[in-house]
């Protein structure tokens, strides 16, 4: 009996040792995965810093190119064949400027300074600011807001950048002569200010909708893929969130949920 007990104890000890080895192997594998992730994040951070540095260096000479092209165009006769070359140069330089600005915005760390803002006023100001883009495609914007308004605690400059990005994306996705719908109000739970932007475009395929906020992902031929990433970054810096819903062939809706202005929140901001 003693021999059998001793043998059994030895078996149990061997099993325990084997299990510890298996656990140690799993932990080692997991630590290696985490180390790889940390290294990848460090590389991405370094790439972000490099991109921002290059963007800063490129922006100044690029502004000089744009200004020079504009000045030369004003000094040339409209019928001069070189005018077309200058127009092409100016157009391509503007595209480069957009890429540079997007990189700088993406690398930036956002620290909102929230104040009480009426979202409808901010949306109307933004619509007016992008009026030239709307008129090119003869697109109208229908804004609907509740009788009580839609006050929110936001940084107006940063949030106008969010609304501008969403409106321009909606314009790009919409057919000429159509209308965009903007709805303002409170979320269902009543704790968030809600601004939704709907376009009547072709929509987004279900397998792609999860990627729309990924950096450098874009479905546009001349896009960079940073506009929605920057938009998400700004919204989350406000303690909010952005959602997207789309049906292929029926359009897309982006919904921005932000901290609503309440008596309690107003007191905190005032303090």
Protein backbone atom coordinates (compact mmCIF):
# COMPACT_ATOMS: atom_id res chain seq x y z
CA UNK A 1 0.00 0.00 0.00
CA UNK A 2 2.81 2.36 0.93
CA UNK A 3 4.49 1.67 -2.40
CA UNK A 4 1.27 2.40 -4.29
CA UNK A 5 0.73 5.64 -2.36
CA UNK A 6 4.29 6.68 -3.01
CA UNK A 7 3.92 5.92 -6.71
CA UNK A 8 0.66 7.83 -6.88
CA UNK A 9 2.21 10.83 -5.13
CA UNK A 10 5.05 10.73 -7.61
CA UNK A 11 2.56 10.70 -10.50
CA UNK A 12 0.68 13.65 -9.04
CA UNK A 13 3.90 15.55 -8.53
CA UNK A 14 4.93 14.85 -12.13
CA UNK A 15 1.52 16.02 -13.33
CA UNK A 16 1.80 19.20 -11.24
CA UNK A 17 5.29 19.88 -12.59
CA UNK A 18 4.06 19.29 -16.15
CA UNK A 19 1.13 21.67 -15.62
CA UNK A 20 3.46 24.34 -14.23
CA UNK A 21 5.67 23.94 -17.29
CA UNK A 22 2.66 24.30 -19.58
CA UNK A 23 1.53 27.44 -17.76
CA UNK A 24 5.04 28.86 -17.85
CA UNK A 25 5.20 28.19 -21.60
CA UNK A 26 1.86 29.96 -22.13
CA UNK A 27 2.94 32.94 -20.01
CA UNK A 28 6.25 33.13 -21.87
CA UNK A 29 4.45 33.08 -25.20
CA UNK A 30 2.04 35.77 -24.01
CA UNK A 31 4.89 37.95 -22.73
CA UNK A 32 6.61 37.63 -26.10
CA UNK A 33 3.40 38.73 -27.82
CA UNK A 34 3.09 41.72 -25.48
CA UNK A 35 6.72 42.65 -26.04
CA UNK A 36 6.11 42.52 -29.80
CA UNK A 37 3.03 44.76 -29.40
CA UNK A 38 5.01 47.26 -27.30
CA UNK A 39 7.77 47.32 -29.92
CA UNK A 40 5.19 47.86 -32.66
CA UNK A 41 3.58 50.71 -30.70
CA UNK A 42 7.00 52.30 -30.17
CA UNK A 43 7.67 52.04 -33.90
CA UNK A 44 4.29 53.61 -34.70
CA UNK A 45 4.95 56.41 -32.20
CA UNK A 46 8.35 57.06 -33.79
CA UNK A 47 6.73 57.01 -37.24
CA UNK A 48 4.12 59.50 -36.05
CA UNK A 49 6.79 61.85 -34.72
CA UNK A 50 8.76 61.53 -37.96
CA UNK A 51 5.64 62.19 -40.05
CA UNK A 52 4.82 65.30 -38.02
CA UNK A 53 8.40 66.54 -38.34
CA UNK A 54 8.45 66.01 -42.10
CA UNK A 55 5.03 67.65 -42.43
CA UNK A 56 6.27 70.75 -40.58
CA UNK A 57 9.33 70.97 -42.84
CA UNK A 58 7.27 70.53 -46.02
CA UNK A 59 4.48 72.96 -45.17
CA UNK A 60 6.51 76.19 -45.36
CA UNK A 61 7.98 75.67 -48.87
CA UNK A 62 4.61 74.32 -50.00
CA UNK A 63 2.90 77.54 -48.92
CA UNK A 64 5.54 79.42 -50.92
CA UNK A 65 4.74 77.36 -54.02
CA UNK A 66 1.02 78.03 -53.65
CA UNK A 67 1.53 81.76 -53.15
CA UNK A 68 3.93 82.01 -56.10
CA UNK A 69 1.50 80.18 -58.39
CA UNK A 70 -1.32 82.52 -57.36
CA UNK A 71 0.81 85.64 -57.96
CA UNK A 72 1.96 84.42 -61.38
CA UNK A 73 -1.62 83.67 -62.43
CA UNK A 74 -2.68 87.25 -61.65
CA UNK A 75 0.15 88.61 -63.83
CA UNK A 76 -0.60 86.49 -66.90
CA UNK A 77 -3.17 86.98 -69.62
CA UNK A 78 -6.12 84.57 -69.41
CA UNK A 79 -5.34 83.31 -72.91
CA UNK A 80 -1.71 82.48 -72.10
CA UNK A 81 -1.12 78.73 -72.52
CA UNK A 82 1.09 78.75 -69.42
CA UNK A 83 -1.94 79.61 -67.29
CA UNK A 84 -3.15 76.01 -67.53
CA UNK A 85 0.22 74.77 -66.26
CA UNK A 86 0.03 77.12 -63.30
CA UNK A 87 -3.52 76.05 -62.54
CA UNK A 88 -2.45 72.40 -62.52
CA UNK A 89 0.52 73.27 -60.31
CA UNK A 90 -1.72 75.13 -57.87
CA UNK A 91 -4.28 72.30 -57.77
CA UNK A 92 -1.66 69.62 -57.07
CA UNK A 93 0.03 71.80 -54.43
CA UNK A 94 -3.32 72.21 -52.69
CA UNK A 95 -3.67 68.42 -52.56
CA UNK A 96 -0.22 68.17 -51.00
CA UNK A 97 -1.14 70.86 -48.49
CA UNK A 98 -4.21 68.83 -47.50
CA UNK A 99 -2.06 65.74 -46.92
CA UNK A 100 0.41 67.72 -44.80
CA UNK A 101 -2.34 69.32 -42.70
CA UNK A 102 -3.99 65.93 -42.13
CA UNK A 103 -0.70 64.46 -40.92
CA UNK A 104 -0.20 67.36 -38.52
CA UNK A 105 -3.74 67.04 -37.16
CA UNK A 106 -3.32 63.27 -36.75
CA UNK A 107 -0.06 63.65 -34.80
CA UNK A 108 -1.49 66.39 -32.59
CA UNK A 109 -2.55 65.81 -29.00
CA UNK A 110 -5.95 67.43 -28.41
CA UNK A 111 -6.85 69.10 -25.12
CA UNK A 112 -10.33 70.64 -25.50
CA UNK A 113 -11.31 73.77 -23.59
CA UNK A 114 -15.04 73.16 -23.19
CA UNK A 115 -17.54 76.00 -23.01
CA UNK A 116 -21.30 76.03 -23.39
CA UNK A 117 -22.20 76.01 -27.08
CA UNK A 118 -25.44 75.67 -28.98
CA UNK A 119 -24.78 72.95 -31.55
CA UNK A 120 -27.23 74.38 -34.07
CA UNK A 121 -25.34 77.68 -34.22
CA UNK A 122 -22.04 75.84 -34.65
CA UNK A 123 -23.43 73.59 -37.38
CA UNK A 124 -24.87 76.56 -39.30
CA UNK A 125 -21.52 78.37 -39.09
CA UNK A 126 -19.79 75.26 -40.42
CA UNK A 127 -22.29 74.88 -43.27
CA UNK A 128 -21.59 78.47 -44.25
CA UNK A 129 -17.82 77.82 -44.11
CA UNK A 130 -18.09 74.89 -46.56
CA UNK A 131 -20.59 76.70 -48.77
CA UNK A 132 -18.33 76.62 -51.84
CA UNK A 133 -18.09 72.82 -51.67
CA UNK A 134 -21.87 72.55 -51.37
CA UNK A 135 -22.56 74.91 -54.26
CA UNK A 136 -20.22 73.02 -56.61
CA UNK A 137 -22.50 69.99 -56.41
CA UNK A 138 -25.69 71.99 -55.75
CA UNK A 139 -26.18 70.19 -52.43
CA UNK A 140 -28.41 71.59 -49.72
CA UNK A 141 -28.27 70.92 -45.97
CA UNK A 142 -31.46 70.47 -43.95
CA UNK A 143 -30.93 71.09 -40.24
CA UNK A 144 -33.50 69.95 -37.70
CA UNK A 145 -33.24 70.74 -34.00
CA UNK A 146 -35.59 70.37 -31.03
CA UNK A 147 -37.45 73.32 -29.58
CA UNK A 148 -35.25 73.26 -26.48
CA UNK A 149 -32.09 73.56 -28.56
CA UNK A 150 -29.05 71.36 -28.12
CA UNK A 151 -26.48 72.91 -25.74
CA UNK A 152 -23.24 71.03 -25.21
CA UNK A 153 -19.94 71.48 -23.39
CA UNK A 154 -17.36 71.51 -26.15
CA UNK A 155 -14.39 73.32 -27.60
CA UNK A 156 -16.09 75.20 -30.47
CA UNK A 157 -12.98 75.41 -32.67
CA UNK A 158 -12.21 71.70 -32.40
CA UNK A 159 -15.83 70.67 -32.82
CA UNK A 160 -16.20 72.85 -35.90
CA UNK A 161 -13.32 70.85 -37.37
CA UNK A 162 -15.30 67.67 -36.62
CA UNK A 163 -18.45 69.00 -38.25
CA UNK A 164 -16.47 70.26 -41.24
CA UNK A 165 -14.91 66.82 -41.80
CA UNK A 166 -18.29 65.10 -41.57
CA UNK A 167 -19.98 67.58 -43.91
CA UNK A 168 -17.24 67.36 -46.52
CA UNK A 169 -17.31 63.56 -46.37
CA UNK A 170 -21.09 63.67 -46.83
CA UNK A 171 -20.70 66.01 -49.82
CA UNK A 172 -18.16 63.68 -51.44
CA UNK A 173 -20.49 60.69 -50.93
CA UNK A 174 -23.65 62.41 -52.23
CA UNK A 175 -24.91 62.76 -55.81
CA UNK A 176 -25.18 66.26 -57.27
CA UNK A 177 -28.40 68.09 -56.47
CA UNK A 178 -29.18 66.03 -53.37
CA UNK A 179 -29.72 67.07 -49.75
CA UNK A 180 -27.90 66.26 -46.52
CA UNK A 181 -29.80 65.85 -43.27
CA UNK A 182 -28.44 67.09 -39.94
CA UNK A 183 -30.41 66.28 -36.78
CA UNK A 184 -29.62 67.76 -33.38
CA UNK A 185 -31.00 66.82 -29.99
CA UNK A 186 -30.43 64.60 -26.98
CA UNK A 187 -29.54 60.93 -27.03
CA UNK A 188 -32.18 58.40 -25.97
CA UNK A 189 -30.85 58.25 -22.42
CA UNK A 190 -30.87 62.05 -22.34
CA UNK A 191 -27.31 62.34 -21.05
CA UNK A 192 -25.62 63.22 -24.33
CA UNK A 193 -25.97 65.92 -26.93
CA UNK A 194 -26.44 64.27 -30.32
CA UNK A 195 -25.53 65.56 -33.78
CA UNK A 196 -26.13 63.20 -36.70
CA UNK A 197 -25.12 63.76 -40.31
CA UNK A 198 -26.83 61.69 -43.00
CA UNK A 199 -25.96 61.55 -46.68
CA UNK A 200 -27.97 59.91 -49.49
CA UNK A 201 -24.93 58.31 -51.07
CA UNK A 202 -24.11 54.72 -51.99
CA UNK A 203 -23.43 53.68 -48.40
CA UNK A 204 -20.68 51.48 -46.97
CA UNK A 205 -20.44 47.73 -47.34
CA UNK A 206 -20.87 45.84 -44.01
CA UNK A 207 -17.39 44.29 -44.19
CA UNK A 208 -15.81 47.76 -44.53
CA UNK A 209 -17.78 49.78 -42.00
CA UNK A 210 -15.53 48.73 -39.14
CA UNK A 211 -12.53 50.27 -40.89
CA UNK A 212 -13.80 53.78 -41.61
CA UNK A 213 -12.00 55.27 -38.58
CA UNK A 214 -8.73 53.41 -39.21
CA UNK A 215 -5.77 55.70 -40.01
CA UNK A 216 -4.88 55.81 -43.70
CA UNK A 217 -7.94 53.83 -44.75
CA UNK A 218 -9.95 55.55 -47.48
CA UNK A 219 -12.25 54.67 -50.34
CA UNK A 220 -11.51 57.94 -52.17
CA UNK A 221 -9.16 57.98 -55.13
CA UNK A 222 -7.46 61.17 -53.92
CA UNK A 223 -8.04 60.67 -50.19
CA UNK A 224 -5.48 60.29 -47.42
CA UNK A 225 -7.59 58.38 -44.91
CA UNK A 226 -6.92 60.59 -41.88
CA UNK A 227 -10.00 62.84 -41.77
CA UNK A 228 -12.26 60.42 -39.86
CA UNK A 229 -9.38 59.27 -37.65
CA UNK A 230 -8.77 62.87 -36.60
CA UNK A 231 -12.53 63.37 -36.15
CA UNK A 232 -12.76 60.36 -33.83
CA UNK A 233 -9.71 61.52 -31.90
CA UNK A 234 -11.23 64.97 -31.27
CA UNK A 235 -14.62 63.58 -30.25
CA UNK A 236 -13.06 61.13 -27.79
CA UNK A 237 -10.89 63.91 -26.35
CA UNK A 238 -14.19 65.58 -25.38
CA UNK A 239 -15.32 62.43 -23.58
CA UNK A 240 -17.73 61.67 -26.40
CA UNK A 241 -18.04 59.01 -29.05
CA UNK A 242 -18.82 58.78 -32.75
CA UNK A 243 -20.88 56.05 -34.39
CA UNK A 244 -21.57 55.12 -37.99
CA UNK A 245 -24.53 53.31 -39.54
CA UNK A 246 -24.91 52.57 -43.23
CA UNK A 247 -27.03 50.61 -45.66
CA UNK A 248 -25.57 50.01 -49.13
CA UNK A 249 -27.56 51.99 -51.66
CA UNK A 250 -29.34 54.06 -49.02
CA UNK A 251 -26.68 56.31 -47.52
CA UNK A 252 -24.64 56.69 -44.35
CA UNK A 253 -25.20 58.37 -40.99
CA UNK A 254 -22.44 59.55 -38.65
CA UNK A 255 -23.65 60.30 -35.12
CA UNK A 256 -21.60 62.38 -32.69
CA UNK A 257 -22.48 62.08 -29.00
CA UNK A 258 -21.08 64.77 -26.72
CA UNK A 259 -21.34 65.84 -23.09
CA UNK A 260 -24.63 67.72 -22.75
CA UNK A 261 -24.75 71.03 -20.90
CA UNK A 262 -26.51 70.65 -17.54
CA UNK A 263 -26.75 72.81 -14.43
CA UNK A 264 -24.20 70.59 -12.67
CA UNK A 265 -21.77 70.58 -15.58
CA UNK A 266 -22.11 74.34 -16.01
CA UNK A 267 -21.10 74.84 -12.37
CA UNK A 268 -17.99 72.65 -12.89
CA UNK A 269 -16.94 74.62 -15.95
CA UNK A 270 -17.52 77.92 -14.18
CA UNK A 271 -15.39 76.71 -11.26
